[in-house]
Amino acid sequence: MTAVREALPEGRYGRSADERADRKLKIIGSVLGVALLGVVGWIGYDYVAGQKISAEVIKFKIVSAERVDVHLEVRKDRDAKGYCTLRSQRVDGDDVARKDIRFDDRSDRIDRIVSLRTTSRATSVELLGCTADGGASR
């Protein structure tokens, strides 16, 4: 008895069609992945580059039941103008003060002590954010 080797039917056991489909899917997935990374990078850059004014509360001091002094450090483009919003809260979380502070100085770094008049004794101060005027922003 001799063993006769028969050829397998084309495409029945092979992976040639599957291999082509897998390759196409890998290429499409790679292209979409690179595109997604590009979009995320562009959005991140645009966000960081678009920040014309940023600030940080360095410290605050509760002077009385009606006043809080806040040391605010602002970083901005030299020609940027805008404002930052501060909020003070009491122990139960209710707002006791809110104030917009303008920054029109032709300086890229500003340290300023700001007083907030409160409606009752404050326990915290929070920087809500900063906004550049329309002409100085993008």
N, C-alpha and C. Protein backbone atom coordinates (compact mmCIF):
# COMPACT_ATOMS: atom_id res chain seq x y z
N MET A 1 0.81 -1.15 0.00
CA MET A 1 0.00 0.00 0.00
C MET A 1 0.88 1.24 0.00
N THR A 2 0.62 2.10 -0.91
CA THR A 2 1.38 3.33 -1.00
C THR A 2 0.48 4.51 -0.63
N ALA A 3 1.07 5.37 0.06
CA ALA A 3 0.31 6.55 0.47
C ALA A 3 0.35 7.57 -0.63
N VAL A 4 -0.79 7.90 -1.10
CA VAL A 4 -0.90 8.92 -2.15
C VAL A 4 -1.37 10.20 -1.48
N ARG A 5 -0.64 11.16 -1.69
CA ARG A 5 -0.96 12.44 -1.09
C ARG A 5 -1.85 13.23 -2.04
N GLU A 6 -3.01 13.56 -1.58
CA GLU A 6 -3.91 14.32 -2.42
C GLU A 6 -3.79 15.80 -2.04
N ALA A 7 -3.97 16.63 -3.01
CA ALA A 7 -3.93 18.09 -2.77
C ALA A 7 -5.21 18.51 -2.06
N LEU A 8 -5.06 19.40 -1.10
CA LEU A 8 -6.22 19.91 -0.38
C LEU A 8 -7.00 20.86 -1.27
N PRO A 9 -8.29 20.91 -1.11
CA PRO A 9 -9.08 21.85 -1.92
C PRO A 9 -8.66 23.29 -1.63
N GLU A 10 -8.61 24.10 -2.68
CA GLU A 10 -8.18 25.49 -2.57
C GLU A 10 -9.12 26.28 -1.67
N GLY A 11 -8.57 26.98 -0.69
CA GLY A 11 -9.34 27.83 0.19
C GLY A 11 -10.10 27.12 1.29
N ARG A 12 -10.11 25.80 1.27
CA ARG A 12 -10.90 25.09 2.28
C ARG A 12 -10.17 25.05 3.62
N TYR A 13 -8.90 24.75 3.59
CA TYR A 13 -8.14 24.66 4.82
C TYR A 13 -7.11 25.78 4.96
N GLY A 14 -6.88 26.46 3.91
CA GLY A 14 -5.87 27.51 3.95
C GLY A 14 -6.42 28.77 4.60
N ARG A 15 -5.56 29.74 4.79
CA ARG A 15 -5.97 30.97 5.45
C ARG A 15 -5.71 32.17 4.54
N SER A 16 -5.53 31.94 3.26
CA SER A 16 -5.14 33.03 2.39
C SER A 16 -6.18 34.16 2.40
N ALA A 17 -7.46 33.86 2.34
CA ALA A 17 -8.48 34.91 2.35
C ALA A 17 -8.53 35.57 3.73
N ASP A 18 -8.43 34.76 4.79
CA ASP A 18 -8.43 35.32 6.15
C ASP A 18 -7.21 36.19 6.39
N GLU A 19 -6.06 35.76 5.87
CA GLU A 19 -4.84 36.52 6.06
C GLU A 19 -4.94 37.88 5.38
N ARG A 20 -5.55 37.93 4.21
CA ARG A 20 -5.73 39.21 3.52
C ARG A 20 -6.67 40.12 4.31
N ALA A 21 -7.75 39.55 4.83
CA ALA A 21 -8.71 40.34 5.61
C ALA A 21 -8.06 40.83 6.90
N ASP A 22 -7.29 39.96 7.55
CA ASP A 22 -6.59 40.37 8.77
C ASP A 22 -5.62 41.51 8.49
N ARG A 23 -4.90 41.40 7.40
CA ARG A 23 -3.94 42.45 7.04
C ARG A 23 -4.65 43.77 6.78
N LYS A 24 -5.77 43.72 6.06
CA LYS A 24 -6.54 44.94 5.80
C LYS A 24 -7.02 45.56 7.11
N LEU A 25 -7.54 44.73 8.01
CA LEU A 25 -8.03 45.24 9.29
C LEU A 25 -6.90 45.84 10.12
N LYS A 26 -5.74 45.22 10.09
CA LYS A 26 -4.60 45.77 10.83
C LYS A 26 -4.18 47.13 10.26
N ILE A 27 -4.16 47.25 8.95
CA ILE A 27 -3.78 48.52 8.33
C ILE A 27 -4.81 49.60 8.66
N ILE A 28 -6.10 49.25 8.52
CA ILE A 28 -7.16 50.22 8.83
C ILE A 28 -7.10 50.62 10.30
N GLY A 29 -6.90 49.66 11.20
CA GLY A 29 -6.79 49.95 12.62
C GLY A 29 -5.60 50.84 12.93
N SER A 30 -4.47 50.59 12.29
CA SER A 30 -3.28 51.42 12.51
C SER A 30 -3.51 52.85 12.03
N VAL A 31 -4.11 53.01 10.86
CA VAL A 31 -4.38 54.35 10.33
C VAL A 31 -5.34 55.09 11.25
N LEU A 32 -6.41 54.43 11.68
CA LEU A 32 -7.37 55.07 12.58
C LEU A 32 -6.73 55.41 13.92
N GLY A 33 -5.86 54.54 14.44
CA GLY A 33 -5.17 54.81 15.70
C GLY A 33 -4.26 56.02 15.60
N VAL A 34 -3.51 56.13 14.51
CA VAL A 34 -2.63 57.28 14.31
C VAL A 34 -3.46 58.56 14.16
N ALA A 35 -4.58 58.47 13.44
CA ALA A 35 -5.45 59.64 13.28
C ALA A 35 -6.02 60.07 14.63
N LEU A 36 -6.43 59.12 15.46
CA LEU A 36 -6.97 59.45 16.79
C LEU A 36 -5.90 60.12 17.66
N LEU A 37 -4.69 59.59 17.64
CA LEU A 37 -3.60 60.21 18.39
C LEU A 37 -3.33 61.63 17.90
N GLY A 38 -3.41 61.83 16.59
CA GLY A 38 -3.21 63.17 16.04
C GLY A 38 -4.28 64.14 16.51
N VAL A 39 -5.53 63.70 16.52
CA VAL A 39 -6.63 64.56 16.96
C VAL A 39 -6.49 64.89 18.44
N VAL A 40 -6.18 63.89 19.26
CA VAL A 40 -6.00 64.12 20.70
C VAL A 40 -4.83 65.08 20.94
N GLY A 41 -3.75 64.90 20.23
CA GLY A 41 -2.60 65.80 20.36
C GLY A 41 -2.93 67.22 19.95
N TRP A 42 -3.67 67.37 18.85
CA TRP A 42 -4.06 68.69 18.38
C TRP A 42 -4.97 69.38 19.39
N ILE A 43 -5.94 68.67 19.93
CA ILE A 43 -6.85 69.25 20.93
C ILE A 43 -6.07 69.66 22.18
N GLY A 44 -5.15 68.81 22.62
CA GLY A 44 -4.33 69.14 23.79
C GLY A 44 -3.48 70.37 23.55
N TYR A 45 -2.84 70.45 22.40
CA TYR A 45 -2.01 71.61 22.08
C TYR A 45 -2.85 72.87 22.00
N ASP A 46 -4.00 72.77 21.34
CA ASP A 46 -4.88 73.92 21.20
C ASP A 46 -5.35 74.42 22.57
N TYR A 47 -5.63 73.49 23.48
CA TYR A 47 -6.07 73.88 24.82
C TYR A 47 -4.96 74.61 25.57
N VAL A 48 -3.76 74.04 25.53
CA VAL A 48 -2.64 74.66 26.26
C VAL A 48 -2.23 75.97 25.60
N ALA A 49 -2.14 76.01 24.29
CA ALA A 49 -1.73 77.22 23.60
C ALA A 49 -2.81 78.30 23.69
N GLY A 50 -4.06 77.88 23.83
CA GLY A 50 -5.15 78.84 23.89
C GLY A 50 -5.33 79.48 25.25
N GLN A 51 -4.63 79.01 26.26
CA GLN A 51 -4.73 79.58 27.59
C GLN A 51 -3.93 80.87 27.64
N LYS A 52 -4.64 82.01 27.55
CA LYS A 52 -3.96 83.30 27.57
C LYS A 52 -3.76 83.80 29.00
N ILE A 53 -4.62 83.36 29.91
CA ILE A 53 -4.52 83.77 31.31
C ILE A 53 -4.72 82.54 32.19
N SER A 54 -3.80 82.33 33.12
CA SER A 54 -3.99 81.28 34.12
C SER A 54 -3.57 81.86 35.47
N ALA A 55 -4.12 81.30 36.52
CA ALA A 55 -3.84 81.85 37.85
C ALA A 55 -3.84 80.74 38.88
N GLU A 56 -3.36 81.09 40.06
CA GLU A 56 -3.28 80.15 41.17
C GLU A 56 -3.47 80.92 42.47
N VAL A 57 -4.29 80.36 43.34
CA VAL A 57 -4.43 80.94 44.68
C VAL A 57 -3.24 80.44 45.49
N ILE A 58 -2.37 81.35 45.91
CA ILE A 58 -1.19 80.99 46.69
C ILE A 58 -1.59 80.71 48.13
N LYS A 59 -2.37 81.62 48.70
CA LYS A 59 -2.86 81.44 50.07
C LYS A 59 -4.01 82.39 50.30
N PHE A 60 -4.74 82.15 51.36
CA PHE A 60 -5.79 83.09 51.74
C PHE A 60 -5.82 83.20 53.26
N LYS A 61 -6.33 84.34 53.72
CA LYS A 61 -6.41 84.60 55.15
C LYS A 61 -7.81 85.12 55.47
N ILE A 62 -8.46 84.46 56.42
CA ILE A 62 -9.77 84.90 56.86
C ILE A 62 -9.55 86.02 57.88
N VAL A 63 -9.82 87.23 57.47
CA VAL A 63 -9.55 88.41 58.29
C VAL A 63 -10.65 88.61 59.32
N SER A 64 -11.90 88.44 58.90
CA SER A 64 -13.04 88.61 59.79
C SER A 64 -14.23 87.85 59.21
N ALA A 65 -15.38 87.98 59.86
CA ALA A 65 -16.58 87.33 59.35
C ALA A 65 -17.06 87.99 58.06
N GLU A 66 -16.53 89.17 57.74
CA GLU A 66 -16.95 89.90 56.54
C GLU A 66 -15.87 90.03 55.48
N ARG A 67 -14.68 89.45 55.70
CA ARG A 67 -13.60 89.67 54.73
C ARG A 67 -12.60 88.52 54.71
N VAL A 68 -12.16 88.21 53.47
CA VAL A 68 -11.09 87.24 53.23
C VAL A 68 -10.09 87.89 52.30
N ASP A 69 -8.81 87.81 52.64
CA ASP A 69 -7.75 88.31 51.76
C ASP A 69 -7.14 87.12 51.02
N VAL A 70 -6.97 87.28 49.71
CA VAL A 70 -6.49 86.20 48.86
C VAL A 70 -5.24 86.65 48.12
N HIS A 71 -4.17 85.83 48.19
CA HIS A 71 -2.95 86.09 47.42
C HIS A 71 -3.10 85.31 46.12
N LEU A 72 -3.20 86.03 45.01
CA LEU A 72 -3.43 85.44 43.70
C LEU A 72 -2.22 85.69 42.81
N GLU A 73 -1.73 84.65 42.16
CA GLU A 73 -0.63 84.77 41.20
C GLU A 73 -1.18 84.48 39.81
N VAL A 74 -1.01 85.43 38.90
CA VAL A 74 -1.55 85.33 37.55
C VAL A 74 -0.41 85.26 36.55
N ARG A 75 -0.52 84.34 35.60
CA ARG A 75 0.43 84.24 34.49
C ARG A 75 -0.36 84.42 33.21
N LYS A 76 0.16 85.28 32.32
CA LYS A 76 -0.57 85.57 31.09
C LYS A 76 0.38 86.09 30.03
N ASP A 77 -0.11 86.17 28.80
CA ASP A 77 0.64 86.84 27.76
C ASP A 77 0.73 88.31 28.12
N ARG A 78 1.83 88.94 27.75
CA ARG A 78 2.06 90.33 28.14
C ARG A 78 0.91 91.25 27.71
N ASP A 79 0.37 91.04 26.54
CA ASP A 79 -0.68 91.92 26.03
C ASP A 79 -2.09 91.42 26.34
N ALA A 80 -2.21 90.27 26.97
CA ALA A 80 -3.53 89.72 27.25
C ALA A 80 -4.23 90.51 28.34
N LYS A 81 -5.53 90.65 28.17
CA LYS A 81 -6.37 91.30 29.18
C LYS A 81 -7.52 90.35 29.48
N GLY A 82 -7.98 90.38 30.71
CA GLY A 82 -9.09 89.51 31.07
C GLY A 82 -9.35 89.56 32.55
N TYR A 83 -9.99 88.51 33.03
CA TYR A 83 -10.36 88.47 34.45
C TYR A 83 -10.34 87.04 34.97
N CYS A 84 -10.22 86.94 36.28
CA CYS A 84 -10.31 85.66 36.98
C CYS A 84 -11.44 85.76 38.00
N THR A 85 -12.13 84.66 38.22
CA THR A 85 -13.25 84.63 39.14
C THR A 85 -12.89 83.83 40.39
N LEU A 86 -13.07 84.47 41.56
CA LEU A 86 -12.84 83.83 42.85
C LEU A 86 -14.18 83.61 43.54
N ARG A 87 -14.22 82.53 44.33
CA ARG A 87 -15.42 82.23 45.11
C ARG A 87 -14.98 81.83 46.51
N SER A 88 -15.74 82.28 47.49
CA SER A 88 -15.49 81.90 48.88
C SER A 88 -16.73 81.21 49.41
N GLN A 89 -16.51 80.17 50.23
CA GLN A 89 -17.63 79.41 50.78
C GLN A 89 -17.50 79.31 52.29
N ARG A 90 -18.63 79.07 52.93
CA ARG A 90 -18.62 78.83 54.36
C ARG A 90 -18.57 77.32 54.60
N VAL A 91 -18.60 76.90 55.83
CA VAL A 91 -18.37 75.51 56.20
C VAL A 91 -19.41 74.56 55.60
N ASP A 92 -20.64 75.00 55.39
CA ASP A 92 -21.67 74.11 54.83
C ASP A 92 -21.65 74.08 53.30
N GLY A 93 -20.73 74.81 52.67
CA GLY A 93 -20.59 74.78 51.22
C GLY A 93 -21.32 75.89 50.48
N ASP A 94 -22.10 76.69 51.19
CA ASP A 94 -22.80 77.80 50.54
C ASP A 94 -21.82 78.92 50.21
N ASP A 95 -22.05 79.59 49.08
CA ASP A 95 -21.21 80.73 48.68
C ASP A 95 -21.46 81.91 49.61
N VAL A 96 -20.37 82.56 50.01
CA VAL A 96 -20.47 83.78 50.81
C VAL A 96 -19.84 84.97 50.10
N ALA A 97 -19.12 84.70 48.99
CA ALA A 97 -18.54 85.78 48.19
C ALA A 97 -18.18 85.25 46.81
N ARG A 98 -18.26 86.13 45.83
CA ARG A 98 -17.83 85.83 44.47
C ARG A 98 -17.37 87.14 43.86
N LYS A 99 -16.21 87.11 43.20
CA LYS A 99 -15.67 88.36 42.66
C LYS A 99 -14.86 88.08 41.40
N ASP A 100 -15.05 88.94 40.39
CA ASP A 100 -14.23 88.92 39.18
C ASP A 100 -13.13 89.95 39.35
N ILE A 101 -11.89 89.55 39.11
CA ILE A 101 -10.74 90.45 39.25
C ILE A 101 -10.16 90.67 37.86
N ARG A 102 -10.10 91.92 37.42
CA ARG A 102 -9.57 92.26 36.09
C ARG A 102 -8.04 92.31 36.13
N PHE A 103 -7.44 91.89 35.01
CA PHE A 103 -5.99 91.96 34.84
C PHE A 103 -5.71 92.56 33.48
N ASP A 104 -5.43 93.87 33.47
CA ASP A 104 -5.13 94.57 32.23
C ASP A 104 -3.68 95.03 32.17
N ASP A 105 -2.90 94.69 33.20
CA ASP A 105 -1.49 95.10 33.28
C ASP A 105 -0.71 94.53 32.09
N ARG A 106 0.25 95.31 31.60
CA ARG A 106 1.13 94.83 30.53
C ARG A 106 2.31 94.11 31.16
N SER A 107 2.01 92.98 31.77
CA SER A 107 3.02 92.17 32.45
C SER A 107 2.63 90.71 32.24
N ASP A 108 3.62 89.83 32.26
CA ASP A 108 3.29 88.42 32.06
C ASP A 108 3.10 87.67 33.38
N ARG A 109 3.42 88.31 34.50
CA ARG A 109 3.23 87.68 35.81
C ARG A 109 2.80 88.75 36.81
N ILE A 110 1.70 88.49 37.49
CA ILE A 110 1.14 89.46 38.42
C ILE A 110 0.88 88.77 39.75
N ASP A 111 1.38 89.34 40.84
CA ASP A 111 1.05 88.89 42.20
C ASP A 111 0.17 89.97 42.80
N ARG A 112 -0.98 89.56 43.28
CA ARG A 112 -1.90 90.56 43.82
C ARG A 112 -2.63 90.00 45.03
N ILE A 113 -2.80 90.85 46.05
CA ILE A 113 -3.63 90.52 47.21
C ILE A 113 -5.00 91.13 46.95
N VAL A 114 -6.02 90.29 46.97
CA VAL A 114 -7.39 90.71 46.68
C VAL A 114 -8.23 90.48 47.92
N SER A 115 -9.09 91.45 48.26
CA SER A 115 -10.01 91.29 49.39
C SER A 115 -11.39 90.94 48.87
N LEU A 116 -11.98 89.92 49.49
CA LEU A 116 -13.35 89.54 49.19
C LEU A 116 -14.23 89.91 50.37
N ARG A 117 -15.30 90.63 50.12
CA ARG A 117 -16.28 90.92 51.18
C ARG A 117 -17.24 89.76 51.23
N THR A 118 -17.40 89.18 52.41
CA THR A 118 -18.24 88.00 52.56
C THR A 118 -19.52 88.33 53.31
N THR A 119 -20.54 87.50 53.07
CA THR A 119 -21.82 87.70 53.75
C THR A 119 -21.85 87.01 55.11
N SER A 120 -20.95 86.06 55.33
CA SER A 120 -20.75 85.42 56.63
C SER A 120 -19.34 84.84 56.65
N ARG A 121 -18.96 84.24 57.77
CA ARG A 121 -17.58 83.75 57.92
C ARG A 121 -17.26 82.68 56.86
N ALA A 122 -16.18 82.92 56.12
CA ALA A 122 -15.74 81.99 55.08
C ALA A 122 -14.81 80.93 55.67
N THR A 123 -14.77 79.78 55.01
CA THR A 123 -13.82 78.73 55.40
C THR A 123 -12.90 78.34 54.25
N SER A 124 -13.26 78.74 53.03
CA SER A 124 -12.42 78.37 51.88
C SER A 124 -12.52 79.44 50.79
N VAL A 125 -11.51 79.42 49.91
CA VAL A 125 -11.49 80.28 48.73
C VAL A 125 -11.10 79.40 47.56
N GLU A 126 -11.78 79.60 46.43
CA GLU A 126 -11.53 78.78 45.26
C GLU A 126 -11.44 79.66 44.02
N LEU A 127 -10.47 79.37 43.17
CA LEU A 127 -10.36 80.02 41.87
C LEU A 127 -11.23 79.25 40.91
N LEU A 128 -12.27 79.89 40.38
CA LEU A 128 -13.18 79.20 39.47
C LEU A 128 -12.64 79.15 38.05
N GLY A 129 -11.81 80.13 37.69
CA GLY A 129 -11.23 80.12 36.34
C GLY A 129 -10.88 81.51 35.89
N CYS A 130 -10.20 81.56 34.74
CA CYS A 130 -9.79 82.84 34.16
C CYS A 130 -10.23 82.88 32.71
N THR A 131 -10.57 84.08 32.24
CA THR A 131 -11.05 84.25 30.86
C THR A 131 -10.33 85.44 30.24
N ALA A 132 -9.79 85.23 29.06
CA ALA A 132 -9.16 86.33 28.32
C ALA A 132 -10.23 87.06 27.54
N ASP A 133 -10.05 88.37 27.39
CA ASP A 133 -10.97 89.16 26.58
C ASP A 133 -10.91 88.68 25.14
N GLY A 134 -11.96 88.95 24.39
CA GLY A 134 -12.07 88.48 23.01
C GLY A 134 -10.90 88.85 22.13
N GLY A 135 -10.38 90.05 22.24
CA GLY A 135 -9.27 90.47 21.37
C GLY A 135 -7.97 89.77 21.70
N ALA A 136 -7.77 89.35 22.94
CA ALA A 136 -6.50 88.72 23.33
C ALA A 136 -6.55 87.22 23.17
N SER A 137 -7.75 86.67 23.07
CA SER A 137 -7.83 85.22 22.93
C SER A 137 -7.64 84.86 21.46
N ARG A 138 -7.49 83.63 21.14
CA ARG A 138 -7.22 83.11 19.81
C ARG A 138 -7.66 83.99 18.73
